[in-house]
Amino acid sequence: MVRKKSLLLLVLVFIAGASFMLLFEGGLAYTNEMEFCTSCHSMKVNLEEYKETLHYKNKSGVRATCSDCHVPKAFGPKMVAKVMAYKDVLHEILGTLDTPEKYEQHRWDMASRVWEKMRKTDSRECRSCHSWDSMDLSEQDRSARKRHGRAPDEGKTCIDCHKGIAHEEPDEPDEEDENDKDESKG
């Protein structure tokens, strides 16, 4: 009798664990869909910009979606990115970015944070599709061939040269604007 109960408990734990894993993986997959990412009002600006880039429409028909560029593939870094996404949800709820004007007001800070993350990870998400080793430099124009040829030796990463590749590159704020921000904090 005890053996049957133990076996039944083991089967139930296994089924519960498998069910959790399926739901968890399904949830991760769902939150990686472009439709989910752009369902927030504040992401509509990004979506329209993105639709005008080669990452959206190109001659090869390959499309990079939001998660391809903003969510790491490896489990650990992916979980960190998913947890850190709370700030996006928070700002959507608070209405921080709910108008195009508010979005533009915060664009430089948002872009700078993404660029810094990409520098720290050596543009890890870009390298899911692009790599120095697979580039055919002879097929690139003279300027790209020259820059791509020396970039690895100079410690450059994709984002050092390719800001604004999938979203409009924001104008850097004037120094006096930055000083005004600093004074208002103090």
C-alpha atoms as a PDB file:
ATOM      1  CA  MET A   1       0.000   0.000   0.000  1.00  0.00           C
ATOM      2  CA  VAL A   2       2.778   2.455   0.928  1.00  0.00           C
ATOM      3  CA  ARG A   3       4.589   1.525  -2.268  1.00  0.00           C
ATOM      4  CA  LYS A   4       1.502   2.314  -4.385  1.00  0.00           C
ATOM      5  CA  LYS A   5       1.079   5.679  -2.656  1.00  0.00           C
ATOM      6  CA  SER A   6       4.739   6.519  -3.212  1.00  0.00           C
ATOM      7  CA  LEU A   7       4.486   5.553  -6.878  1.00  0.00           C
ATOM      8  CA  LEU A   8       1.282   7.575  -7.287  1.00  0.00           C
ATOM      9  CA  LEU A   9       2.909  10.575  -5.594  1.00  0.00           C
ATOM     10  CA  LEU A  10       5.954  10.252  -7.853  1.00  0.00           C
ATOM     11  CA  VAL A  11       3.725  10.128 -10.963  1.00  0.00           C
ATOM     12  CA  LEU A  12       1.734  13.162  -9.784  1.00  0.00           C
ATOM     13  CA  VAL A  13       4.918  15.141  -9.072  1.00  0.00           C
ATOM     14  CA  PHE A  14       6.242  14.203 -12.521  1.00  0.00           C
ATOM     15  CA  ILE A  15       2.981  15.286 -14.219  1.00  0.00           C
ATOM     16  CA  ALA A  16       2.907  18.543 -12.226  1.00  0.00           C
ATOM     17  CA  GLY A  17       6.552  19.250 -13.111  1.00  0.00           C
ATOM     18  CA  ALA A  18       6.014  18.471 -16.802  1.00  0.00           C
ATOM     19  CA  SER A  19       2.876  20.637 -16.852  1.00  0.00           C
ATOM     20  CA  PHE A  20       4.746  23.524 -15.223  1.00  0.00           C
ATOM     21  CA  MET A  21       7.606  23.227 -17.712  1.00  0.00           C
ATOM     22  CA  LEU A  22       5.219  23.241 -20.676  1.00  0.00           C
ATOM     23  CA  LEU A  23       3.324  26.260 -19.348  1.00  0.00           C
ATOM     24  CA  PHE A  24       6.555  28.063 -18.476  1.00  0.00           C
ATOM     25  CA  GLU A  25       8.082  27.437 -21.907  1.00  0.00           C
ATOM     26  CA  GLY A  26       4.818  28.422 -23.570  1.00  0.00           C
ATOM     27  CA  GLY A  27       4.749  31.662 -21.597  1.00  0.00           C
ATOM     28  CA  LEU A  28       8.331  32.459 -22.575  1.00  0.00           C
ATOM     29  CA  ALA A  29       7.583  31.755 -26.224  1.00  0.00           C
ATOM     30  CA  TYR A  30       4.436  33.901 -26.117  1.00  0.00           C
ATOM     31  CA  THR A  31       6.256  36.866 -24.571  1.00  0.00           C
ATOM     32  CA  ASN A  32       8.878  36.623 -27.337  1.00  0.00           C
ATOM     33  CA  GLU A  33       6.291  37.137 -30.094  1.00  0.00           C
ATOM     34  CA  MET A  34       6.353  40.464 -31.903  1.00  0.00           C
ATOM     35  CA  GLU A  35       2.595  40.804 -31.409  1.00  0.00           C
ATOM     36  CA  PHE A  36       3.089  40.599 -27.640  1.00  0.00           C
ATOM     37  CA  CYS A  37       6.020  43.025 -27.628  1.00  0.00           C
ATOM     38  CA  THR A  38       4.150  45.627 -29.638  1.00  0.00           C
ATOM     39  CA  SER A  39       0.785  45.217 -27.912  1.00  0.00           C
ATOM     40  CA  CYS A  40       1.621  48.034 -25.504  1.00  0.00           C
ATOM     41  CA  HIS A  41       0.653  51.483 -26.697  1.00  0.00           C
ATOM     42  CA  SER A  42       4.165  52.810 -26.034  1.00  0.00           C
ATOM     43  CA  MET A  43       5.751  50.307 -28.440  1.00  0.00           C
ATOM     44  CA  LYS A  44       3.732  51.492 -31.456  1.00  0.00           C
ATOM     45  CA  VAL A  45       6.391  54.139 -32.207  1.00  0.00           C
ATOM     46  CA  ASN A  46       9.069  51.429 -32.311  1.00  0.00           C
ATOM     47  CA  LEU A  47       6.944  49.163 -34.463  1.00  0.00           C
ATOM     48  CA  GLU A  48       6.423  51.762 -37.180  1.00  0.00           C
ATOM     49  CA  GLU A  49      10.153  52.588 -37.270  1.00  0.00           C
ATOM     50  CA  TYR A  50      11.109  48.937 -37.355  1.00  0.00           C
ATOM     51  CA  LYS A  51       8.815  48.297 -40.347  1.00  0.00           C
ATOM     52  CA  GLU A  52      11.012  50.670 -42.371  1.00  0.00           C
ATOM     53  CA  THR A  53      14.252  48.729 -41.742  1.00  0.00           C
ATOM     54  CA  LEU A  54      16.073  45.822 -43.343  1.00  0.00           C
ATOM     55  CA  HIS A  55      15.460  43.806 -40.204  1.00  0.00           C
ATOM     56  CA  TYR A  56      11.748  43.840 -41.085  1.00  0.00           C
ATOM     57  CA  LYS A  57      11.665  43.639 -44.883  1.00  0.00           C
ATOM     58  CA  ASN A  58      14.544  42.675 -47.142  1.00  0.00           C
ATOM     59  CA  LYS A  59      15.400  40.781 -50.312  1.00  0.00           C
ATOM     60  CA  SER A  60      16.175  37.526 -48.483  1.00  0.00           C
ATOM     61  CA  GLY A  61      12.859  37.449 -46.610  1.00  0.00           C
ATOM     62  CA  VAL A  62      14.529  36.883 -43.241  1.00  0.00           C
ATOM     63  CA  ARG A  63      12.986  38.908 -40.427  1.00  0.00           C
ATOM     64  CA  ALA A  64      14.483  39.685 -37.043  1.00  0.00           C
ATOM     65  CA  THR A  65      11.757  40.314 -34.478  1.00  0.00           C
ATOM     66  CA  CYS A  66      11.878  42.190 -31.161  1.00  0.00           C
ATOM     67  CA  SER A  67      13.091  39.187 -29.184  1.00  0.00           C
ATOM     68  CA  ASP A  68      15.824  38.356 -31.701  1.00  0.00           C
ATOM     69  CA  CYS A  69      17.487  41.666 -30.843  1.00  0.00           C
ATOM     70  CA  HIS A  70      16.380  42.262 -27.259  1.00  0.00           C
ATOM     71  CA  VAL A  71      16.149  38.804 -25.624  1.00  0.00           C
ATOM     72  CA  PRO A  72      19.189  36.540 -25.224  1.00  0.00           C
ATOM     73  CA  LYS A  73      18.903  32.936 -26.405  1.00  0.00           C
ATOM     74  CA  ALA A  74      20.743  31.337 -23.450  1.00  0.00           C
ATOM     75  CA  PHE A  75      18.460  30.486 -20.520  1.00  0.00           C
ATOM     76  CA  GLY A  76      20.233  32.436 -17.738  1.00  0.00           C
ATOM     77  CA  PRO A  77      20.570  35.758 -19.581  1.00  0.00           C
ATOM     78  CA  LYS A  78      17.055  35.266 -21.008  1.00  0.00           C
ATOM     79  CA  MET A  79      15.607  34.983 -17.493  1.00  0.00           C
ATOM     80  CA  VAL A  80      17.468  38.126 -16.419  1.00  0.00           C
ATOM     81  CA  ALA A  81      16.047  39.991 -19.446  1.00  0.00           C
ATOM     82  CA  LYS A  82      12.524  38.751 -18.717  1.00  0.00           C
ATOM     83  CA  VAL A  83      12.719  39.820 -15.069  1.00  0.00           C
ATOM     84  CA  MET A  84      14.169  43.206 -16.020  1.00  0.00           C
ATOM     85  CA  ALA A  85      11.268  43.721 -18.441  1.00  0.00           C
ATOM     86  CA  TYR A  86       9.158  44.610 -15.391  1.00  0.00           C
ATOM     87  CA  LYS A  87      10.242  48.220 -15.965  1.00  0.00           C
ATOM     88  CA  ASP A  88       8.610  48.217 -19.408  1.00  0.00           C
ATOM     89  CA  VAL A  89       5.346  47.002 -17.913  1.00  0.00           C
ATOM     90  CA  LEU A  90       5.634  49.483 -15.045  1.00  0.00           C
ATOM     91  CA  HIS A  91       6.155  52.435 -17.373  1.00  0.00           C
ATOM     92  CA  GLU A  92       3.274  51.291 -19.558  1.00  0.00           C
ATOM     93  CA  ILE A  93       1.000  51.240 -16.489  1.00  0.00           C
ATOM     94  CA  LEU A  94       2.310  54.577 -15.204  1.00  0.00           C
ATOM     95  CA  GLY A  95       1.850  56.208 -18.618  1.00  0.00           C
ATOM     96  CA  THR A  96       5.467  57.341 -18.785  1.00  0.00           C
ATOM     97  CA  LEU A  97       5.579  56.747 -22.551  1.00  0.00           C
ATOM     98  CA  ASP A  98       1.909  56.876 -23.520  1.00  0.00           C
ATOM     99  CA  THR A  99       2.226  59.653 -26.100  1.00  0.00           C
ATOM    100  CA  PRO A 100       4.701  60.103 -28.948  1.00  0.00           C
ATOM    101  CA  GLU A 101       5.945  63.267 -27.222  1.00  0.00           C
ATOM    102  CA  LYS A 102       6.657  61.449 -23.959  1.00  0.00           C
ATOM    103  CA  TYR A 103       8.312  58.646 -25.892  1.00  0.00           C
ATOM    104  CA  GLU A 104      10.616  61.136 -27.641  1.00  0.00           C
ATOM    105  CA  GLN A 105      11.401  62.777 -24.319  1.00  0.00           C
ATOM    106  CA  HIS A 106      12.761  59.445 -23.008  1.00  0.00           C
ATOM    107  CA  ARG A 107      14.175  58.046 -26.268  1.00  0.00           C
ATOM    108  CA  TRP A 108      17.815  59.002 -25.656  1.00  0.00           C
ATOM    109  CA  ASP A 109      17.904  57.427 -22.175  1.00  0.00           C
ATOM    110  CA  MET A 110      16.162  54.248 -23.356  1.00  0.00           C
ATOM    111  CA  ALA A 111      18.454  53.874 -26.367  1.00  0.00           C
ATOM    112  CA  SER A 112      21.561  54.576 -24.294  1.00  0.00           C
ATOM    113  CA  ARG A 113      20.639  51.809 -21.839  1.00  0.00           C
ATOM    114  CA  VAL A 114      20.139  49.328 -24.684  1.00  0.00           C
ATOM    115  CA  TRP A 115      23.410  50.351 -26.349  1.00  0.00           C
ATOM    116  CA  GLU A 116      25.317  49.986 -23.075  1.00  0.00           C
ATOM    117  CA  LYS A 117      23.855  46.524 -22.518  1.00  0.00           C
ATOM    118  CA  MET A 118      24.833  45.546 -26.043  1.00  0.00           C
ATOM    119  CA  ARG A 119      28.392  46.814 -25.535  1.00  0.00           C
ATOM    120  CA  LYS A 120      28.702  44.848 -22.285  1.00  0.00           C
ATOM    121  CA  THR A 121      27.558  41.640 -24.000  1.00  0.00           C
ATOM    122  CA  ASP A 122      29.625  42.195 -27.181  1.00  0.00           C
ATOM    123  CA  SER A 123      26.354  42.596 -29.125  1.00  0.00           C
ATOM    124  CA  ARG A 124      25.419  39.016 -28.206  1.00  0.00           C
ATOM    125  CA  GLU A 125      21.948  39.170 -29.754  1.00  0.00           C
ATOM    126  CA  CYS A 126      23.308  40.566 -33.051  1.00  0.00           C
ATOM    127  CA  ARG A 127      25.737  37.664 -33.163  1.00  0.00           C
ATOM    128  CA  SER A 128      22.883  35.177 -33.141  1.00  0.00           C
ATOM    129  CA  CYS A 129      22.618  36.034 -36.845  1.00  0.00           C
ATOM    130  CA  HIS A 130      25.803  37.950 -37.715  1.00  0.00           C
ATOM    131  CA  SER A 131      29.385  36.870 -37.103  1.00  0.00           C
ATOM    132  CA  TRP A 132      32.788  38.128 -38.159  1.00  0.00           C
ATOM    133  CA  ASP A 133      33.725  34.665 -39.441  1.00  0.00           C
ATOM    134  CA  SER A 134      30.774  34.355 -41.812  1.00  0.00           C
ATOM    135  CA  MET A 135      31.073  37.835 -43.334  1.00  0.00           C
ATOM    136  CA  ASP A 136      32.167  37.843 -46.955  1.00  0.00           C
ATOM    137  CA  LEU A 137      34.094  41.084 -46.902  1.00  0.00           C
ATOM    138  CA  SER A 138      34.639  40.934 -50.672  1.00  0.00           C
ATOM    139  CA  GLU A 139      30.870  41.368 -51.141  1.00  0.00           C
ATOM    140  CA  GLN A 140      30.775  44.514 -49.021  1.00  0.00           C
ATOM    141  CA  ASP A 141      31.377  48.047 -50.223  1.00  0.00           C
ATOM    142  CA  ARG A 142      34.807  49.521 -49.627  1.00  0.00           C
ATOM    143  CA  SER A 143      33.924  51.367 -46.423  1.00  0.00           C
ATOM    144  CA  ALA A 144      32.131  48.416 -44.788  1.00  0.00           C
ATOM    145  CA  ARG A 145      34.892  46.008 -45.853  1.00  0.00           C
ATOM    146  CA  LYS A 146      37.521  48.256 -44.283  1.00  0.00           C
ATOM    147  CA  ARG A 147      35.596  48.796 -41.030  1.00  0.00           C
ATOM    148  CA  HIS A 148      34.451  45.184 -40.613  1.00  0.00           C
ATOM    149  CA  GLY A 149      37.940  43.949 -41.417  1.00  0.00           C
ATOM    150  CA  ARG A 150      39.549  45.824 -38.546  1.00  0.00           C
ATOM    151  CA  ALA A 151      36.676  45.955 -36.034  1.00  0.00           C
ATOM    152  CA  PRO A 152      37.490  42.683 -34.208  1.00  0.00           C
ATOM    153  CA  ASP A 153      41.114  43.738 -33.727  1.00  0.00           C
ATOM    154  CA  GLU A 154      39.993  47.116 -32.401  1.00  0.00           C
ATOM    155  CA  GLY A 155      37.604  45.522 -29.903  1.00  0.00           C
ATOM    156  CA  LYS A 156      34.568  46.994 -31.650  1.00  0.00           C
ATOM    157  CA  THR A 157      31.166  45.432 -31.298  1.00  0.00           C
ATOM    158  CA  CYS A 158      28.172  45.764 -33.631  1.00  0.00           C
ATOM    159  CA  ILE A 159      26.442  48.557 -31.716  1.00  0.00           C
ATOM    160  CA  ASP A 160      29.526  50.777 -31.859  1.00  0.00           C
ATOM    161  CA  CYS A 161      28.781  51.465 -35.537  1.00  0.00           C
ATOM    162  CA  HIS A 162      25.207  50.294 -36.073  1.00  0.00           C
ATOM    163  CA  LYS A 163      23.108  52.459 -33.759  1.00  0.00           C
ATOM    164  CA  GLY A 164      19.802  53.235 -35.385  1.00  0.00           C
ATOM    165  CA  ILE A 165      19.835  50.039 -37.457  1.00  0.00           C
ATOM    166  CA  ALA A 166      16.363  48.933 -36.353  1.00  0.00           C
ATOM    167  CA  HIS A 167      14.987  52.052 -34.667  1.00  0.00           C
ATOM    168  CA  GLU A 168      15.416  55.723 -35.346  1.00  0.00           C
ATOM    169  CA  GLU A 169      18.615  56.927 -33.737  1.00  0.00           C
ATOM    170  CA  PRO A 170      17.790  59.630 -31.198  1.00  0.00           C
ATOM    171  CA  ASP A 171      19.482  62.992 -31.156  1.00  0.00           C
ATOM    172  CA  GLU A 172      21.979  63.296 -28.354  1.00  0.00           C
ATOM    173  CA  PRO A 173      20.702  65.823 -25.811  1.00  0.00           C
ATOM    174  CA  ASP A 174      22.464  69.158 -25.543  1.00  0.00           C
ATOM    175  CA  GLU A 175      24.896  69.391 -22.651  1.00  0.00           C
ATOM    176  CA  GLU A 176      22.750  72.061 -21.013  1.00  0.00           C
ATOM    177  CA  ASP A 177      19.774  69.645 -21.118  1.00  0.00           C
ATOM    178  CA  GLU A 178      21.881  67.056 -19.286  1.00  0.00           C
ATOM    179  CA  ASN A 179      22.995  69.653 -16.721  1.00  0.00           C
ATOM    180  CA  ASP A 180      19.360  70.660 -16.148  1.00  0.00           C
ATOM    181  CA  LYS A 181      18.535  67.005 -15.418  1.00  0.00           C
ATOM    182  CA  ASP A 182      21.440  66.695 -12.973  1.00  0.00           C
ATOM    183  CA  GLU A 183      20.428  69.911 -11.160  1.00  0.00           C
ATOM    184  CA  SER A 184      16.825  68.762 -10.819  1.00  0.00           C
ATOM    185  CA  LYS A 185      18.000  65.499  -9.178  1.00  0.00           C
ATOM    186  CA  GLY A 186      20.152  67.282  -6.579  1.00  0.00           C
END
